């Protein structure tokens, strides 16, 4: 499958990595793609490392396993860089996107010689600014869409607006903040 994109998410329980992977799957599906979005379950608890996955293609997906050689890796919590081999199997033709305020040289050292593209974004700052709380998954979702070019920014924002209206039907006051977080993240993800 030449047009298959595989993404692995690394986060901690409670940070929304699983939710972001499922939202990405929904958005890709709504733009006509075939999708898979699934977490890897273990004895999850708040703060424990978790992994989630996406497969996105323009053709039916016949693979049903974890992702061992992803095109992209999303790291929702940069403290995982010291304890989890986040670049394991990551293709050098892909990229890693890290939620961090660390400088580029420090991040490169933590990635132990990974030669592919490295991007970073300050998801904490964006979520605090737009939502008033630390929800890193919303900015990280926008960052992976921007870097991977799975869909256009416009397609993504239109789909997410509809998704948020449904998801937050009983809390419509949070829709604008989430949309602003997505818009800022699309502009602020940077290559290092």
N, C-alpha and C. Protein backbone atom coordinates (compact mmCIF):
# COMPACT_ATOMS: atom_id res chain seq x y z
N UNK A 1 0.85 -1.19 0.00
CA UNK A 1 0.00 0.00 0.00
C UNK A 1 0.89 1.25 0.00
N UNK A 2 1.07 1.83 -1.16
CA UNK A 2 1.95 2.97 -1.30
C UNK A 2 1.44 4.22 -0.60
N UNK A 3 0.14 4.37 -0.51
CA UNK A 3 -0.42 5.61 0.03
C UNK A 3 -0.85 5.47 1.49
N UNK A 4 -0.36 4.47 2.17
CA UNK A 4 -0.71 4.23 3.57
C UNK A 4 0.18 5.10 4.47
N UNK A 5 -0.46 5.83 5.37
CA UNK A 5 0.27 6.62 6.36
C UNK A 5 0.02 5.98 7.72
N UNK A 6 1.10 5.70 8.45
CA UNK A 6 0.98 5.10 9.78
C UNK A 6 1.56 6.06 10.82
N UNK A 7 0.79 6.25 11.89
CA UNK A 7 1.16 7.21 12.94
C UNK A 7 1.11 6.50 14.29
N UNK A 8 2.13 6.75 15.10
CA UNK A 8 2.14 6.24 16.47
C UNK A 8 2.16 7.43 17.42
N UNK A 9 1.27 7.39 18.42
CA UNK A 9 1.16 8.43 19.43
C UNK A 9 1.75 7.93 20.74
N UNK A 10 2.54 8.76 21.40
CA UNK A 10 3.05 8.46 22.74
C UNK A 10 2.57 9.57 23.68
N UNK A 11 1.95 9.18 24.76
CA UNK A 11 1.49 10.15 25.75
C UNK A 11 1.42 9.49 27.11
N UNK A 12 0.78 10.17 28.01
CA UNK A 12 0.53 9.63 29.35
C UNK A 12 -0.97 9.56 29.54
N UNK A 13 -1.41 8.58 30.31
CA UNK A 13 -2.84 8.44 30.58
C UNK A 13 -3.43 9.74 31.09
N UNK A 14 -4.51 10.18 30.48
CA UNK A 14 -5.17 11.42 30.89
C UNK A 14 -4.81 12.63 30.04
N UNK A 15 -3.84 12.49 29.14
CA UNK A 15 -3.44 13.64 28.30
C UNK A 15 -4.20 13.70 26.98
N UNK A 16 -4.95 12.67 26.67
CA UNK A 16 -5.79 12.70 25.47
C UNK A 16 -5.17 12.17 24.20
N UNK A 17 -4.07 11.43 24.28
CA UNK A 17 -3.46 10.88 23.06
C UNK A 17 -4.43 9.92 22.36
N UNK A 18 -5.09 9.08 23.13
CA UNK A 18 -6.06 8.14 22.53
C UNK A 18 -7.20 8.92 21.87
N UNK A 19 -7.73 9.91 22.55
CA UNK A 19 -8.82 10.72 22.00
C UNK A 19 -8.38 11.43 20.72
N UNK A 20 -7.16 11.99 20.73
CA UNK A 20 -6.66 12.68 19.54
C UNK A 20 -6.52 11.72 18.37
N UNK A 21 -6.04 10.50 18.63
CA UNK A 21 -5.89 9.54 17.53
C UNK A 21 -7.26 9.17 16.95
N UNK A 22 -8.27 9.08 17.80
CA UNK A 22 -9.62 8.75 17.32
C UNK A 22 -10.24 9.93 16.57
N UNK A 23 -9.99 11.16 17.04
CA UNK A 23 -10.47 12.35 16.32
C UNK A 23 -9.81 12.47 14.95
N UNK A 24 -8.51 12.14 14.88
CA UNK A 24 -7.82 12.17 13.60
C UNK A 24 -8.42 11.14 12.64
N UNK A 25 -8.71 9.96 13.16
CA UNK A 25 -9.32 8.91 12.34
C UNK A 25 -10.68 9.38 11.81
N UNK A 26 -11.49 9.98 12.66
CA UNK A 26 -12.80 10.49 12.23
C UNK A 26 -12.66 11.56 11.16
N UNK A 27 -11.73 12.50 11.36
CA UNK A 27 -11.55 13.58 10.39
C UNK A 27 -11.08 13.04 9.04
N UNK A 28 -10.16 12.09 9.07
CA UNK A 28 -9.67 11.50 7.82
C UNK A 28 -10.80 10.73 7.12
N UNK A 29 -11.59 10.00 7.90
CA UNK A 29 -12.73 9.26 7.34
C UNK A 29 -13.71 10.22 6.65
N UNK A 30 -13.96 11.35 7.31
CA UNK A 30 -14.90 12.33 6.77
C UNK A 30 -14.40 13.03 5.52
N UNK A 31 -13.10 12.89 5.22
CA UNK A 31 -12.57 13.45 3.97
C UNK A 31 -12.39 12.34 2.93
N UNK A 32 -13.04 11.18 3.17
CA UNK A 32 -13.07 10.12 2.17
C UNK A 32 -11.96 9.08 2.26
N UNK A 33 -11.24 9.06 3.36
CA UNK A 33 -10.15 8.11 3.48
C UNK A 33 -10.57 6.88 4.28
N UNK A 34 -9.82 5.81 4.12
CA UNK A 34 -9.98 4.61 4.94
C UNK A 34 -9.10 4.80 6.17
N UNK A 35 -9.59 4.36 7.30
CA UNK A 35 -8.87 4.69 8.54
C UNK A 35 -8.86 3.53 9.53
N UNK A 36 -7.91 3.63 10.44
CA UNK A 36 -7.89 2.85 11.68
C UNK A 36 -7.37 3.78 12.76
N UNK A 37 -7.96 3.71 13.92
CA UNK A 37 -7.49 4.47 15.07
C UNK A 37 -7.70 3.61 16.30
N UNK A 38 -6.63 3.27 17.00
CA UNK A 38 -6.78 2.35 18.12
C UNK A 38 -5.67 2.56 19.15
N UNK A 39 -6.00 2.35 20.42
CA UNK A 39 -4.99 2.43 21.47
C UNK A 39 -4.38 1.06 21.73
N UNK A 40 -3.23 1.06 22.38
CA UNK A 40 -2.65 -0.18 22.87
C UNK A 40 -2.89 -0.18 24.37
N UNK A 41 -3.67 -1.15 24.82
CA UNK A 41 -4.04 -1.16 26.22
C UNK A 41 -3.12 -2.03 27.05
N UNK A 42 -2.84 -1.57 28.21
CA UNK A 42 -2.12 -2.30 29.23
C UNK A 42 -2.77 -1.91 30.54
N UNK A 43 -2.06 -1.98 31.63
CA UNK A 43 -2.65 -1.57 32.91
C UNK A 43 -2.64 -0.04 33.02
N UNK A 44 -3.42 0.63 32.17
CA UNK A 44 -3.40 2.10 32.12
C UNK A 44 -3.89 2.71 33.42
N UNK A 45 -3.24 3.77 33.76
CA UNK A 45 -3.68 4.59 34.88
C UNK A 45 -3.23 6.01 34.57
N UNK A 46 -3.81 6.95 35.24
CA UNK A 46 -3.48 8.35 35.02
C UNK A 46 -1.97 8.55 35.15
N UNK A 47 -1.36 9.12 34.13
CA UNK A 47 0.07 9.41 34.15
C UNK A 47 0.97 8.31 33.62
N UNK A 48 0.44 7.11 33.40
CA UNK A 48 1.27 6.02 32.86
C UNK A 48 1.45 6.20 31.36
N UNK A 49 2.60 5.78 30.81
CA UNK A 49 2.80 5.89 29.37
C UNK A 49 1.76 5.06 28.60
N UNK A 50 1.23 5.64 27.54
CA UNK A 50 0.27 4.93 26.69
C UNK A 50 0.69 5.13 25.22
N UNK A 51 0.18 4.25 24.38
CA UNK A 51 0.45 4.33 22.95
C UNK A 51 -0.87 4.21 22.20
N UNK A 52 -1.01 4.99 21.15
CA UNK A 52 -2.18 4.90 20.29
C UNK A 52 -1.68 4.94 18.84
N UNK A 53 -2.53 4.50 17.93
CA UNK A 53 -2.10 4.36 16.54
C UNK A 53 -3.17 4.85 15.56
N UNK A 54 -2.69 5.25 14.37
CA UNK A 54 -3.57 5.57 13.23
C UNK A 54 -2.99 4.97 11.97
N UNK A 55 -3.87 4.47 11.14
CA UNK A 55 -3.54 4.14 9.76
C UNK A 55 -4.53 4.91 8.90
N UNK A 56 -4.03 5.56 7.86
CA UNK A 56 -4.88 6.36 6.98
C UNK A 56 -4.45 6.08 5.55
N UNK A 57 -5.43 5.80 4.68
CA UNK A 57 -5.13 5.45 3.29
C UNK A 57 -6.29 5.85 2.39
N UNK A 58 -6.00 5.93 1.09
CA UNK A 58 -7.06 6.16 0.11
C UNK A 58 -7.61 4.83 -0.41
N UNK A 59 -7.03 3.72 0.05
CA UNK A 59 -7.48 2.38 -0.32
C UNK A 59 -7.87 1.61 0.94
N UNK A 60 -8.69 0.58 0.82
CA UNK A 60 -9.03 -0.22 2.01
C UNK A 60 -7.77 -0.74 2.71
N UNK A 61 -7.80 -0.73 4.03
CA UNK A 61 -6.66 -1.16 4.84
C UNK A 61 -6.90 -2.61 5.27
N UNK A 62 -5.95 -3.46 4.95
CA UNK A 62 -6.10 -4.88 5.27
C UNK A 62 -5.17 -5.34 6.39
N UNK A 63 -4.37 -4.43 6.91
CA UNK A 63 -3.44 -4.76 8.01
C UNK A 63 -4.17 -4.55 9.33
N UNK A 64 -4.02 -5.49 10.24
CA UNK A 64 -4.66 -5.37 11.55
C UNK A 64 -3.67 -5.74 12.64
N UNK A 65 -2.70 -4.88 12.87
CA UNK A 65 -1.70 -5.12 13.91
C UNK A 65 -1.25 -3.77 14.45
N UNK A 66 -0.42 -3.82 15.47
CA UNK A 66 0.19 -2.58 15.94
C UNK A 66 1.07 -2.02 14.82
N UNK A 67 1.55 -0.82 15.00
CA UNK A 67 2.39 -0.19 13.99
C UNK A 67 3.83 -0.22 14.50
N UNK A 68 4.68 -0.89 13.74
CA UNK A 68 6.08 -1.07 14.16
C UNK A 68 7.05 -0.17 13.40
N UNK A 69 6.65 0.30 12.23
CA UNK A 69 7.49 1.20 11.45
C UNK A 69 6.67 2.40 10.98
N UNK A 70 6.34 3.30 11.92
CA UNK A 70 5.46 4.42 11.58
C UNK A 70 6.14 5.44 10.67
N UNK A 71 5.29 6.16 9.93
CA UNK A 71 5.76 7.29 9.14
C UNK A 71 5.93 8.52 10.03
N UNK A 72 5.07 8.61 11.03
CA UNK A 72 5.08 9.75 11.94
C UNK A 72 4.91 9.27 13.37
N UNK A 73 5.55 9.99 14.29
CA UNK A 73 5.37 9.76 15.72
C UNK A 73 4.99 11.09 16.35
N UNK A 74 3.98 11.06 17.22
CA UNK A 74 3.54 12.24 17.95
C UNK A 74 3.85 11.98 19.43
N UNK A 75 4.62 12.87 20.05
CA UNK A 75 4.97 12.74 21.46
C UNK A 75 4.25 13.85 22.22
N UNK A 76 3.23 13.46 22.97
CA UNK A 76 2.38 14.42 23.67
C UNK A 76 3.05 14.93 24.95
N UNK A 77 4.00 14.18 25.50
CA UNK A 77 4.68 14.54 26.75
C UNK A 77 6.18 14.30 26.58
N UNK A 78 6.96 15.38 26.54
CA UNK A 78 8.40 15.22 26.26
C UNK A 78 9.18 14.51 27.37
N UNK A 79 8.58 14.31 28.55
CA UNK A 79 9.29 13.54 29.58
C UNK A 79 9.43 12.08 29.16
N UNK A 80 8.61 11.64 28.22
CA UNK A 80 8.70 10.26 27.71
C UNK A 80 9.97 10.04 26.91
N UNK A 81 10.59 11.10 26.41
CA UNK A 81 11.79 10.97 25.60
C UNK A 81 12.92 10.29 26.38
N UNK A 82 12.88 10.42 27.70
CA UNK A 82 13.94 9.85 28.53
C UNK A 82 13.66 8.41 28.93
N UNK A 83 12.42 7.94 28.80
CA UNK A 83 12.09 6.60 29.28
C UNK A 83 11.52 5.66 28.21
N UNK A 84 11.07 6.21 27.09
CA UNK A 84 10.47 5.39 26.03
C UNK A 84 11.24 5.64 24.74
N UNK A 85 11.54 4.58 23.99
CA UNK A 85 12.23 4.73 22.71
C UNK A 85 11.20 5.15 21.66
N UNK A 86 10.90 6.44 21.63
CA UNK A 86 9.83 6.95 20.77
C UNK A 86 10.18 6.87 19.28
N UNK A 87 11.46 6.77 18.95
CA UNK A 87 11.84 6.69 17.54
C UNK A 87 11.99 5.24 17.05
N UNK A 88 11.68 4.26 17.88
CA UNK A 88 11.81 2.86 17.48
C UNK A 88 11.02 2.61 16.19
N UNK A 89 11.71 2.19 15.14
CA UNK A 89 11.06 1.86 13.88
C UNK A 89 10.63 3.06 13.04
N UNK A 90 10.77 4.27 13.56
CA UNK A 90 10.31 5.47 12.85
C UNK A 90 11.11 5.66 11.57
N UNK A 91 10.40 5.74 10.45
CA UNK A 91 11.05 5.92 9.15
C UNK A 91 11.73 7.28 9.09
N UNK A 92 12.94 7.29 8.52
CA UNK A 92 13.66 8.56 8.39
C UNK A 92 13.06 9.46 7.33
N UNK A 93 12.15 8.91 6.51
CA UNK A 93 11.45 9.73 5.52
C UNK A 93 10.22 10.38 6.14
N UNK A 94 9.91 10.05 7.38
CA UNK A 94 8.77 10.62 8.08
C UNK A 94 9.21 11.74 9.00
N UNK A 95 8.55 11.82 10.16
CA UNK A 95 8.88 12.90 11.09
C UNK A 95 8.37 12.56 12.48
N UNK A 96 8.96 13.24 13.45
CA UNK A 96 8.49 13.16 14.83
C UNK A 96 8.05 14.57 15.25
N UNK A 97 6.95 14.64 15.98
CA UNK A 97 6.41 15.91 16.45
C UNK A 97 6.35 15.83 17.97
N UNK A 98 6.98 16.79 18.64
CA UNK A 98 7.12 16.73 20.08
C UNK A 98 6.51 17.96 20.73
N UNK A 99 5.71 17.74 21.76
CA UNK A 99 5.20 18.82 22.59
C UNK A 99 6.31 19.17 23.57
N UNK A 100 6.96 20.31 23.35
CA UNK A 100 8.10 20.66 24.20
C UNK A 100 8.45 22.13 24.12
N UNK A 101 9.09 22.60 25.18
CA UNK A 101 9.67 23.94 25.18
C UNK A 101 11.20 23.86 25.11
N UNK A 102 11.73 22.63 25.08
CA UNK A 102 13.18 22.44 25.00
C UNK A 102 13.69 22.97 23.66
N UNK A 103 14.96 23.37 23.63
CA UNK A 103 15.50 23.83 22.35
C UNK A 103 15.83 22.64 21.46
N UNK A 104 16.01 22.92 20.19
CA UNK A 104 16.20 21.89 19.19
C UNK A 104 17.38 20.97 19.48
N UNK A 105 18.51 21.53 19.93
CA UNK A 105 19.69 20.70 20.20
C UNK A 105 19.44 19.73 21.33
N UNK A 106 18.74 20.18 22.36
CA UNK A 106 18.42 19.30 23.49
C UNK A 106 17.51 18.16 23.04
N UNK A 107 16.52 18.48 22.22
CA UNK A 107 15.61 17.44 21.72
C UNK A 107 16.36 16.44 20.84
N UNK A 108 17.25 16.93 19.98
CA UNK A 108 18.00 16.03 19.10
C UNK A 108 18.83 15.04 19.93
N UNK A 109 19.43 15.51 21.03
CA UNK A 109 20.21 14.62 21.89
C UNK A 109 19.32 13.53 22.48
N UNK A 110 18.12 13.90 22.90
CA UNK A 110 17.20 12.94 23.50
C UNK A 110 16.70 11.91 22.49
N UNK A 111 16.77 12.24 21.19
CA UNK A 111 16.27 11.34 20.15
C UNK A 111 17.35 10.37 19.65
N UNK A 112 18.49 10.39 20.28
CA UNK A 112 19.54 9.39 20.05
C UNK A 112 19.89 9.17 18.59
N UNK A 113 20.11 10.25 17.87
CA UNK A 113 20.60 10.14 16.50
C UNK A 113 19.54 9.97 15.42
N UNK A 114 18.27 10.15 15.74
CA UNK A 114 17.24 10.04 14.71
C UNK A 114 17.54 11.05 13.60
N UNK A 115 17.53 10.59 12.34
CA UNK A 115 17.96 11.42 11.22
C UNK A 115 16.82 12.07 10.43
N UNK A 116 15.57 11.70 10.74
CA UNK A 116 14.44 12.27 10.01
C UNK A 116 14.09 13.68 10.50
N UNK A 117 12.99 14.21 9.99
CA UNK A 117 12.54 15.55 10.37
C UNK A 117 12.01 15.56 11.80
N UNK A 118 12.33 16.63 12.50
CA UNK A 118 11.89 16.81 13.88
C UNK A 118 11.13 18.13 13.96
N UNK A 119 9.93 18.07 14.54
CA UNK A 119 9.10 19.26 14.73
C UNK A 119 8.78 19.38 16.21
N UNK A 120 8.56 20.61 16.64
CA UNK A 120 8.12 20.81 18.02
C UNK A 120 7.01 21.85 18.06
N UNK A 121 6.27 21.79 19.15
CA UNK A 121 5.20 22.73 19.38
C UNK A 121 5.01 22.85 20.88
N UNK A 122 4.65 24.02 21.36
CA UNK A 122 4.37 24.21 22.79
C UNK A 122 2.86 24.08 23.00
N UNK A 123 2.42 22.83 23.13
CA UNK A 123 0.99 22.56 23.29
C UNK A 123 0.45 23.07 24.62
N UNK A 124 1.31 23.12 25.64
CA UNK A 124 0.88 23.66 26.94
C UNK A 124 0.50 25.13 26.80
N UNK A 125 1.38 25.90 26.20
CA UNK A 125 1.12 27.34 26.04
C UNK A 125 -0.16 27.57 25.23
N UNK A 126 -0.31 26.84 24.13
CA UNK A 126 -1.49 27.01 23.28
C UNK A 126 -2.76 26.64 24.03
N UNK A 127 -2.76 25.52 24.73
CA UNK A 127 -3.99 25.11 25.41
C UNK A 127 -4.31 26.02 26.60
N UNK A 128 -3.30 26.48 27.31
CA UNK A 128 -3.56 27.40 28.43
C UNK A 128 -4.13 28.73 27.90
N UNK A 129 -3.59 29.18 26.78
CA UNK A 129 -4.01 30.44 26.18
C UNK A 129 -5.44 30.37 25.64
N UNK A 130 -5.81 29.24 25.05
CA UNK A 130 -7.10 29.14 24.37
C UNK A 130 -8.18 28.45 25.19
N UNK A 131 -7.76 27.53 26.08
CA UNK A 131 -8.73 26.74 26.84
C UNK A 131 -8.70 27.02 28.34
N UNK A 132 -7.63 27.65 28.80
CA UNK A 132 -7.51 27.96 30.22
C UNK A 132 -7.09 26.75 31.06
N UNK A 133 -6.85 25.61 30.41
CA UNK A 133 -6.41 24.39 31.09
C UNK A 133 -5.44 23.67 30.17
N UNK A 134 -4.71 22.73 30.75
CA UNK A 134 -3.72 21.99 29.97
C UNK A 134 -4.34 20.76 29.33
N UNK A 135 -4.69 20.91 28.05
CA UNK A 135 -5.20 19.82 27.23
C UNK A 135 -4.29 19.75 25.99
N UNK A 136 -3.19 19.01 26.06
CA UNK A 136 -2.23 19.02 24.95
C UNK A 136 -2.71 18.32 23.69
N UNK A 137 -3.74 17.47 23.80
CA UNK A 137 -4.13 16.68 22.64
C UNK A 137 -4.69 17.52 21.49
N UNK A 138 -5.39 18.60 21.78
CA UNK A 138 -5.97 19.41 20.71
C UNK A 138 -4.87 20.04 19.84
N UNK A 139 -3.88 20.74 20.43
CA UNK A 139 -2.81 21.27 19.59
C UNK A 139 -2.00 20.18 18.88
N UNK A 140 -1.78 19.04 19.55
CA UNK A 140 -0.99 17.97 18.93
C UNK A 140 -1.73 17.37 17.73
N UNK A 141 -3.03 17.31 17.81
CA UNK A 141 -3.84 16.83 16.70
C UNK A 141 -3.64 17.72 15.47
N UNK A 142 -3.70 19.03 15.68
CA UNK A 142 -3.49 19.96 14.56
C UNK A 142 -2.06 19.86 14.03
N UNK A 143 -1.10 19.66 14.92
CA UNK A 143 0.30 19.58 14.50
C UNK A 143 0.54 18.39 13.57
N UNK A 144 -0.03 17.23 13.89
CA UNK A 144 0.18 16.06 13.02
C UNK A 144 -0.51 16.25 11.68
N UNK A 145 -1.66 16.91 11.66
CA UNK A 145 -2.33 17.18 10.39
C UNK A 145 -1.46 18.10 9.53
N UNK A 146 -0.89 19.12 10.13
CA UNK A 146 -0.05 20.08 9.40
C UNK A 146 1.20 19.40 8.84
N UNK A 147 1.87 18.63 9.66
CA UNK A 147 3.13 18.02 9.26
C UNK A 147 2.92 16.90 8.24
N UNK A 148 1.91 16.07 8.45
CA UNK A 148 1.68 14.91 7.58
C UNK A 148 0.93 15.26 6.30
N UNK A 149 0.25 16.39 6.29
CA UNK A 149 -0.56 16.82 5.14
C UNK A 149 -1.62 15.77 4.76
N UNK A 150 -2.17 15.10 5.77
CA UNK A 150 -3.22 14.10 5.55
C UNK A 150 -4.42 14.74 4.87
N UNK A 151 -4.67 16.00 5.21
CA UNK A 151 -5.77 16.76 4.61
C UNK A 151 -5.36 18.23 4.66
N UNK A 152 -6.11 19.07 3.98
CA UNK A 152 -5.80 20.50 4.02
C UNK A 152 -6.21 21.07 5.38
N UNK A 153 -5.61 22.19 5.73
CA UNK A 153 -5.99 22.88 6.97
C UNK A 153 -7.49 23.18 6.97
N UNK A 154 -7.99 23.63 5.83
CA UNK A 154 -9.41 24.01 5.73
C UNK A 154 -10.32 22.80 5.94
N UNK A 155 -10.00 21.68 5.29
CA UNK A 155 -10.80 20.46 5.48
C UNK A 155 -10.79 20.04 6.96
N UNK A 156 -9.62 20.10 7.54
CA UNK A 156 -9.45 19.70 8.94
C UNK A 156 -10.27 20.59 9.87
N UNK A 157 -10.13 21.91 9.73
CA UNK A 157 -10.85 22.83 10.62
C UNK A 157 -12.36 22.70 10.44
N UNK A 158 -12.82 22.55 9.20
CA UNK A 158 -14.27 22.38 8.96
C UNK A 158 -14.78 21.11 9.62
N UNK A 159 -14.04 20.03 9.46
CA UNK A 159 -14.46 18.77 10.07
C UNK A 159 -14.46 18.85 11.59
N UNK A 160 -13.42 19.45 12.15
CA UNK A 160 -13.32 19.52 13.61
C UNK A 160 -14.41 20.41 14.20
N UNK A 161 -14.79 21.46 13.49
CA UNK A 161 -15.87 22.31 13.98
C UNK A 161 -17.15 21.48 14.14
N UNK A 162 -17.46 20.68 13.12
CA UNK A 162 -18.63 19.81 13.20
C UNK A 162 -18.49 18.77 14.30
N UNK A 163 -17.31 18.20 14.43
CA UNK A 163 -17.05 17.19 15.45
C UNK A 163 -17.21 17.78 16.85
N UNK A 164 -16.66 18.96 17.06
CA UNK A 164 -16.75 19.62 18.37
C UNK A 164 -18.20 19.99 18.70
N UNK A 165 -18.96 20.43 17.68
CA UNK A 165 -20.37 20.76 17.93
C UNK A 165 -21.13 19.54 18.44
N UNK A 166 -20.81 18.39 17.89
CA UNK A 166 -21.45 17.16 18.33
C UNK A 166 -20.91 16.72 19.71
N UNK A 167 -19.58 16.71 19.83
CA UNK A 167 -18.94 16.23 21.06
C UNK A 167 -19.28 17.11 22.26
N UNK A 168 -19.31 18.41 22.04
CA UNK A 168 -19.55 19.35 23.13
C UNK A 168 -20.94 19.98 23.07
N UNK A 169 -21.93 19.23 22.64
CA UNK A 169 -23.29 19.74 22.51
C UNK A 169 -23.80 20.31 23.84
N UNK A 170 -23.41 19.70 24.95
CA UNK A 170 -23.86 20.18 26.26
C UNK A 170 -22.92 21.21 26.86
N UNK A 171 -21.78 21.46 26.20
CA UNK A 171 -20.82 22.47 26.67
C UNK A 171 -20.36 23.32 25.49
N UNK A 172 -21.27 24.01 24.81
CA UNK A 172 -20.89 24.75 23.60
C UNK A 172 -19.85 25.84 23.85
N UNK A 173 -19.70 26.25 25.10
CA UNK A 173 -18.73 27.31 25.42
C UNK A 173 -17.29 26.87 25.18
N UNK A 174 -17.01 25.58 25.09
CA UNK A 174 -15.64 25.12 24.88
C UNK A 174 -15.28 24.97 23.39
N UNK A 175 -16.25 25.10 22.52
CA UNK A 175 -15.99 24.91 21.08
C UNK A 175 -15.03 25.97 20.55
N UNK A 176 -15.28 27.24 20.84
CA UNK A 176 -14.43 28.31 20.32
C UNK A 176 -12.99 28.16 20.78
N UNK A 177 -12.77 27.83 22.05
CA UNK A 177 -11.42 27.65 22.57
C UNK A 177 -10.69 26.52 21.88
N UNK A 178 -11.39 25.41 21.66
CA UNK A 178 -10.78 24.28 20.96
C UNK A 178 -10.44 24.63 19.51
N UNK A 179 -11.33 25.36 18.86
CA UNK A 179 -11.06 25.77 17.48
C UNK A 179 -9.86 26.72 17.42
N UNK A 180 -9.78 27.64 18.38
CA UNK A 180 -8.62 28.56 18.43
C UNK A 180 -7.33 27.79 18.67
N UNK A 181 -7.40 26.76 19.53
CA UNK A 181 -6.21 25.93 19.81
C UNK A 181 -5.74 25.25 18.52
N UNK A 182 -6.67 24.72 17.74
CA UNK A 182 -6.31 24.07 16.48
C UNK A 182 -5.68 25.07 15.51
N UNK A 183 -6.30 26.24 15.38
CA UNK A 183 -5.81 27.26 14.45
C UNK A 183 -4.40 27.71 14.82
N UNK A 184 -4.18 27.96 16.14
CA UNK A 184 -2.85 28.38 16.59
C UNK A 184 -1.81 27.29 16.34
N UNK A 185 -2.17 26.06 16.64
CA UNK A 185 -1.23 24.96 16.48
C UNK A 185 -0.83 24.78 15.02
N UNK A 186 -1.77 24.94 14.11
CA UNK A 186 -1.45 24.83 12.68
C UNK A 186 -0.39 25.86 12.28
N UNK A 187 -0.38 27.00 12.95
CA UNK A 187 0.58 28.07 12.63
C UNK A 187 1.89 27.93 13.41
N UNK A 188 1.82 27.34 14.60
CA UNK A 188 2.99 27.37 15.49
C UNK A 188 3.86 26.12 15.49
N UNK A 189 3.42 25.04 14.87
CA UNK A 189 4.30 23.86 14.82
C UNK A 189 5.51 24.24 13.97
N UNK A 190 6.72 23.94 14.49
CA UNK A 190 7.92 24.39 13.79
C UNK A 190 8.94 23.26 13.63
N UNK A 191 9.59 23.28 12.49
CA UNK A 191 10.63 22.29 12.21
C UNK A 191 11.93 22.74 12.87
N UNK A 192 12.62 21.78 13.49
CA UNK A 192 13.92 22.15 14.12
C UNK A 192 15.07 21.45 13.41
